[in-house]
Amino acid sequence: METRSIVRGVHLSADKGRLVANLIRGRPVAQALNILTFTQKKAAGIIKKCLESAIANAEHNDSADIDELIVKTVLVEQGATLKRFSARAKGRGNRISRPTCHIFMTVGD
């Protein structure tokens, strides 16, 4: 049995999200939560909320035992990029791209 949780449109680079996702892939849920709690990255808090959502989905929808759950897959895919402009000298403008990402997480036993 597998349960999914999806977070879309997170204001975070996909590469920065993948660094944190690689830390918890394949680990038990309790250990993954512990790792995310003490990781000092912006992505850790966002992925932790996604993991907690997946745990709640598994408990409520599939009546799974939380102690036996394992993080099966964590995918951090690139989302839409927000394009912004910053004023520069002599009336010019520089383009600023603000990337977003989508997080797909699957937990199972």
N, C-alpha and C. Protein backbone atom coordinates (compact mmCIF):
# COMPACT_ATOMS: atom_id res chain seq x y z
N MET A 1 0.84 -1.18 0.00
CA MET A 1 0.00 0.00 0.00
C MET A 1 0.89 1.25 0.00
N GLU A 2 0.54 2.18 -0.87
CA GLU A 2 1.30 3.42 -0.97
C GLU A 2 0.34 4.59 -0.93
N THR A 3 0.78 5.66 -0.30
CA THR A 3 -0.03 6.87 -0.18
C THR A 3 0.80 8.05 -0.65
N ARG A 4 0.16 8.95 -1.38
CA ARG A 4 0.88 10.08 -1.99
C ARG A 4 0.52 11.40 -1.32
N SER A 5 1.43 12.34 -1.48
CA SER A 5 1.20 13.72 -1.08
C SER A 5 1.90 14.60 -2.11
N ILE A 6 1.21 15.67 -2.55
CA ILE A 6 1.75 16.53 -3.60
C ILE A 6 1.69 17.97 -3.14
N VAL A 7 2.78 18.71 -3.33
CA VAL A 7 2.82 20.15 -3.08
C VAL A 7 3.26 20.80 -4.38
N ARG A 8 2.45 21.72 -4.88
CA ARG A 8 2.75 22.35 -6.17
C ARG A 8 3.03 23.84 -5.99
N GLY A 9 3.91 24.35 -6.85
CA GLY A 9 4.16 25.79 -6.89
C GLY A 9 4.93 26.34 -5.71
N VAL A 10 5.86 25.56 -5.17
CA VAL A 10 6.67 26.01 -4.03
C VAL A 10 7.71 27.00 -4.54
N HIS A 11 7.88 28.12 -3.87
CA HIS A 11 8.87 29.13 -4.26
C HIS A 11 10.25 28.68 -3.81
N LEU A 12 10.81 27.74 -4.59
CA LEU A 12 12.08 27.12 -4.25
C LEU A 12 12.66 26.54 -5.52
N SER A 13 13.97 26.60 -5.67
CA SER A 13 14.63 25.98 -6.81
C SER A 13 14.56 24.46 -6.69
N ALA A 14 14.39 23.78 -7.81
CA ALA A 14 14.30 22.32 -7.80
C ALA A 14 15.62 21.69 -7.34
N ASP A 15 16.74 22.28 -7.71
CA ASP A 15 18.04 21.74 -7.29
C ASP A 15 18.21 21.81 -5.77
N LYS A 16 17.80 22.91 -5.17
CA LYS A 16 17.91 23.05 -3.72
C LYS A 16 16.96 22.09 -3.01
N GLY A 17 15.81 21.84 -3.60
CA GLY A 17 14.87 20.89 -3.02
C GLY A 17 15.38 19.46 -3.10
N ARG A 18 16.06 19.13 -4.21
CA ARG A 18 16.58 17.77 -4.38
C ARG A 18 17.68 17.46 -3.38
N LEU A 19 18.45 18.46 -2.96
CA LEU A 19 19.49 18.23 -1.96
C LEU A 19 18.90 17.68 -0.67
N VAL A 20 17.77 18.24 -0.25
CA VAL A 20 17.12 17.80 0.99
C VAL A 20 16.36 16.50 0.75
N ALA A 21 15.75 16.35 -0.42
CA ALA A 21 14.98 15.13 -0.71
C ALA A 21 15.87 13.90 -0.71
N ASN A 22 17.10 14.05 -1.14
CA ASN A 22 18.02 12.91 -1.17
C ASN A 22 18.37 12.42 0.23
N LEU A 23 18.24 13.28 1.23
CA LEU A 23 18.57 12.90 2.61
C LEU A 23 17.58 11.89 3.18
N ILE A 24 16.31 11.96 2.75
CA ILE A 24 15.28 11.15 3.41
C ILE A 24 14.76 10.01 2.55
N ARG A 25 15.14 9.92 1.31
CA ARG A 25 14.61 8.88 0.42
C ARG A 25 14.99 7.50 0.93
N GLY A 26 13.97 6.62 1.10
CA GLY A 26 14.21 5.24 1.52
C GLY A 26 14.33 5.04 3.02
N ARG A 27 14.11 6.05 3.80
CA ARG A 27 14.26 5.94 5.26
C ARG A 27 12.91 5.77 5.94
N PRO A 28 12.89 5.23 7.16
CA PRO A 28 11.63 5.17 7.92
C PRO A 28 11.13 6.59 8.21
N VAL A 29 9.82 6.70 8.39
CA VAL A 29 9.19 8.00 8.52
C VAL A 29 9.68 8.75 9.76
N ALA A 30 9.85 8.06 10.88
CA ALA A 30 10.30 8.72 12.11
C ALA A 30 11.70 9.28 11.94
N GLN A 31 12.56 8.53 11.30
CA GLN A 31 13.94 8.98 11.07
C GLN A 31 13.96 10.15 10.08
N ALA A 32 13.11 10.10 9.06
CA ALA A 32 13.05 11.18 8.08
C ALA A 32 12.56 12.47 8.72
N LEU A 33 11.56 12.39 9.59
CA LEU A 33 11.08 13.59 10.29
C LEU A 33 12.17 14.18 11.17
N ASN A 34 12.94 13.31 11.81
CA ASN A 34 14.03 13.77 12.67
C ASN A 34 15.10 14.48 11.85
N ILE A 35 15.44 13.94 10.70
CA ILE A 35 16.44 14.56 9.83
C ILE A 35 15.96 15.92 9.35
N LEU A 36 14.70 16.00 8.92
CA LEU A 36 14.17 17.26 8.40
C LEU A 36 14.05 18.32 9.49
N THR A 37 13.78 17.91 10.72
CA THR A 37 13.66 18.87 11.81
C THR A 37 14.97 19.60 12.06
N PHE A 38 16.08 18.89 11.92
CA PHE A 38 17.37 19.48 12.26
C PHE A 38 18.21 19.88 11.05
N THR A 39 17.63 19.87 9.87
CA THR A 39 18.32 20.34 8.67
C THR A 39 18.04 21.82 8.50
N GLN A 40 19.09 22.62 8.36
CA GLN A 40 18.94 24.08 8.31
C GLN A 40 18.88 24.58 6.87
N LYS A 41 17.83 24.17 6.18
CA LYS A 41 17.59 24.64 4.82
C LYS A 41 16.12 25.00 4.70
N LYS A 42 15.82 25.93 3.80
CA LYS A 42 14.43 26.33 3.59
C LYS A 42 13.60 25.15 3.09
N ALA A 43 14.20 24.32 2.24
CA ALA A 43 13.48 23.18 1.66
C ALA A 43 13.10 22.16 2.71
N ALA A 44 13.84 22.08 3.81
CA ALA A 44 13.57 21.07 4.84
C ALA A 44 12.19 21.29 5.47
N GLY A 45 11.85 22.53 5.75
CA GLY A 45 10.55 22.82 6.34
C GLY A 45 9.40 22.50 5.39
N ILE A 46 9.59 22.78 4.11
CA ILE A 46 8.54 22.53 3.12
C ILE A 46 8.36 21.03 2.90
N ILE A 47 9.46 20.30 2.79
CA ILE A 47 9.38 18.85 2.58
C ILE A 47 8.86 18.16 3.83
N LYS A 48 9.15 18.72 5.00
CA LYS A 48 8.62 18.15 6.24
C LYS A 48 7.10 18.25 6.28
N LYS A 49 6.56 19.39 5.85
CA LYS A 49 5.10 19.54 5.80
C LYS A 49 4.48 18.56 4.81
N CYS A 50 5.15 18.34 3.69
CA CYS A 50 4.67 17.38 2.70
C CYS A 50 4.69 15.96 3.27
N LEU A 51 5.74 15.63 4.01
CA LEU A 51 5.84 14.30 4.64
C LEU A 51 4.76 14.11 5.68
N GLU A 52 4.52 15.14 6.49
CA GLU A 52 3.46 15.05 7.51
C GLU A 52 2.10 14.88 6.85
N SER A 53 1.89 15.52 5.71
CA SER A 53 0.65 15.37 4.97
C SER A 53 0.50 13.94 4.44
N ALA A 54 1.59 13.38 3.93
CA ALA A 54 1.55 12.01 3.43
C ALA A 54 1.27 11.02 4.56
N ILE A 55 1.84 11.27 5.74
CA ILE A 55 1.59 10.41 6.89
C ILE A 55 0.12 10.49 7.30
N ALA A 56 -0.42 11.71 7.33
CA ALA A 56 -1.83 11.88 7.70
C ALA A 56 -2.74 11.22 6.67
N ASN A 57 -2.39 11.32 5.39
CA ASN A 57 -3.19 10.66 4.35
C ASN A 57 -3.18 9.15 4.53
N ALA A 58 -2.00 8.59 4.84
CA ALA A 58 -1.89 7.14 5.02
C ALA A 58 -2.69 6.68 6.23
N GLU A 59 -2.66 7.47 7.28
CA GLU A 59 -3.36 7.09 8.51
C GLU A 59 -4.87 7.20 8.32
N HIS A 60 -5.32 8.27 7.69
CA HIS A 60 -6.76 8.52 7.57
C HIS A 60 -7.39 7.71 6.45
N ASN A 61 -6.78 7.72 5.27
CA ASN A 61 -7.39 7.08 4.10
C ASN A 61 -7.16 5.58 4.05
N ASP A 62 -5.97 5.12 4.44
CA ASP A 62 -5.62 3.72 4.31
C ASP A 62 -5.50 3.00 5.64
N SER A 63 -5.73 3.72 6.74
CA SER A 63 -5.61 3.20 8.11
C SER A 63 -4.31 2.41 8.29
N ALA A 64 -3.20 3.05 7.89
CA ALA A 64 -1.88 2.42 7.96
C ALA A 64 -1.26 2.65 9.35
N ASP A 65 -0.36 1.75 9.73
CA ASP A 65 0.39 1.89 10.97
C ASP A 65 1.57 2.82 10.72
N ILE A 66 1.65 3.92 11.46
CA ILE A 66 2.66 4.95 11.22
C ILE A 66 4.07 4.42 11.47
N ASP A 67 4.21 3.51 12.43
CA ASP A 67 5.55 3.02 12.78
C ASP A 67 6.18 2.19 11.67
N GLU A 68 5.38 1.66 10.76
CA GLU A 68 5.92 0.80 9.70
C GLU A 68 6.10 1.52 8.37
N LEU A 69 5.75 2.80 8.31
CA LEU A 69 5.83 3.54 7.04
C LEU A 69 7.27 3.89 6.68
N ILE A 70 7.56 3.85 5.39
CA ILE A 70 8.88 4.19 4.85
C ILE A 70 8.65 5.20 3.72
N VAL A 71 9.56 6.14 3.58
CA VAL A 71 9.50 7.10 2.48
C VAL A 71 9.95 6.36 1.22
N LYS A 72 8.99 6.03 0.36
CA LYS A 72 9.31 5.26 -0.85
C LYS A 72 9.98 6.15 -1.89
N THR A 73 9.29 7.22 -2.31
CA THR A 73 9.85 8.10 -3.33
C THR A 73 9.65 9.55 -2.93
N VAL A 74 10.61 10.38 -3.30
CA VAL A 74 10.50 11.83 -3.17
C VAL A 74 11.00 12.41 -4.48
N LEU A 75 10.12 13.07 -5.21
CA LEU A 75 10.50 13.70 -6.47
C LEU A 75 10.33 15.20 -6.34
N VAL A 76 11.34 15.94 -6.75
CA VAL A 76 11.26 17.40 -6.78
C VAL A 76 11.44 17.81 -8.24
N GLU A 77 10.35 18.22 -8.86
CA GLU A 77 10.36 18.57 -10.28
C GLU A 77 10.29 20.08 -10.44
N GLN A 78 10.80 20.56 -11.56
CA GLN A 78 10.81 22.00 -11.84
C GLN A 78 9.41 22.46 -12.21
N GLY A 79 9.00 23.59 -11.64
CA GLY A 79 7.70 24.17 -11.94
C GLY A 79 7.86 25.39 -12.84
N ALA A 80 6.83 26.20 -12.88
CA ALA A 80 6.87 27.42 -13.70
C ALA A 80 7.84 28.42 -13.08
N THR A 81 8.50 29.19 -13.92
CA THR A 81 9.44 30.21 -13.45
C THR A 81 8.77 31.57 -13.53
N LEU A 82 8.80 32.30 -12.42
CA LEU A 82 8.26 33.66 -12.39
C LEU A 82 9.31 34.61 -12.96
N LYS A 83 8.93 35.40 -13.96
CA LYS A 83 9.86 36.32 -14.58
C LYS A 83 9.62 37.72 -14.04
N ARG A 84 10.67 38.34 -13.53
CA ARG A 84 10.60 39.68 -12.96
C ARG A 84 11.70 40.54 -13.57
N PHE A 85 11.57 41.87 -13.43
CA PHE A 85 12.59 42.77 -13.94
C PHE A 85 13.09 43.68 -12.82
N SER A 86 14.38 43.99 -12.87
CA SER A 86 15.01 44.87 -11.90
C SER A 86 15.57 46.07 -12.66
N ALA A 87 15.38 47.25 -12.11
CA ALA A 87 15.86 48.47 -12.77
C ALA A 87 17.38 48.54 -12.71
N ARG A 88 17.97 48.95 -13.85
CA ARG A 88 19.41 49.12 -13.94
C ARG A 88 19.71 50.53 -14.45
N ALA A 89 20.97 50.81 -14.64
CA ALA A 89 21.39 52.15 -15.06
C ALA A 89 20.95 52.46 -16.49
N LYS A 90 20.78 53.76 -16.78
CA LYS A 90 20.48 54.27 -18.12
C LYS A 90 19.17 53.72 -18.69
N GLY A 91 18.20 53.49 -17.83
CA GLY A 91 16.88 53.07 -18.28
C GLY A 91 16.76 51.62 -18.70
N ARG A 92 17.76 50.84 -18.41
CA ARG A 92 17.72 49.44 -18.79
C ARG A 92 17.05 48.60 -17.68
N GLY A 93 16.86 47.34 -17.98
CA GLY A 93 16.30 46.43 -16.98
C GLY A 93 16.98 45.07 -17.09
N ASN A 94 17.17 44.42 -15.98
CA ASN A 94 17.72 43.07 -15.95
C ASN A 94 16.61 42.10 -15.57
N ARG A 95 16.67 40.95 -16.19
CA ARG A 95 15.67 39.94 -15.92
C ARG A 95 16.05 39.13 -14.69
N ILE A 96 15.07 38.91 -13.80
CA ILE A 96 15.26 38.08 -12.62
C ILE A 96 14.27 36.92 -12.75
N SER A 97 14.77 35.70 -12.66
CA SER A 97 13.88 34.53 -12.73
C SER A 97 13.77 33.93 -11.33
N ARG A 98 12.54 33.73 -10.90
CA ARG A 98 12.27 33.15 -9.59
C ARG A 98 11.67 31.76 -9.80
N PRO A 99 12.47 30.74 -9.61
CA PRO A 99 11.99 29.39 -9.94
C PRO A 99 11.01 28.85 -8.89
N THR A 100 10.14 27.95 -9.34
CA THR A 100 9.24 27.22 -8.45
C THR A 100 9.44 25.73 -8.71
N CYS A 101 8.90 24.91 -7.83
CA CYS A 101 9.03 23.47 -8.01
C CYS A 101 7.78 22.77 -7.47
N HIS A 102 7.63 21.51 -7.85
CA HIS A 102 6.57 20.65 -7.38
C HIS A 102 7.21 19.48 -6.62
N ILE A 103 6.62 19.11 -5.48
CA ILE A 103 7.16 18.02 -4.67
C ILE A 103 6.14 16.90 -4.65
N PHE A 104 6.57 15.69 -5.06
CA PHE A 104 5.74 14.51 -5.05
C PHE A 104 6.35 13.50 -4.09
N MET A 105 5.58 13.07 -3.09
CA MET A 105 6.10 12.15 -2.08
C MET A 105 5.18 10.95 -1.95
N THR A 106 5.78 9.76 -1.83
CA THR A 106 5.03 8.53 -1.65
C THR A 106 5.58 7.81 -0.42
N VAL A 107 4.67 7.44 0.49
CA VAL A 107 5.05 6.65 1.65
C VAL A 107 4.31 5.32 1.58
N GLY A 108 4.94 4.26 2.07
CA GLY A 108 4.33 2.94 2.07
C GLY A 108 5.00 2.06 3.08
N ASP A 109 4.50 0.83 3.17
CA ASP A 109 5.10 -0.10 4.15
C ASP A 109 5.86 -1.22 3.47
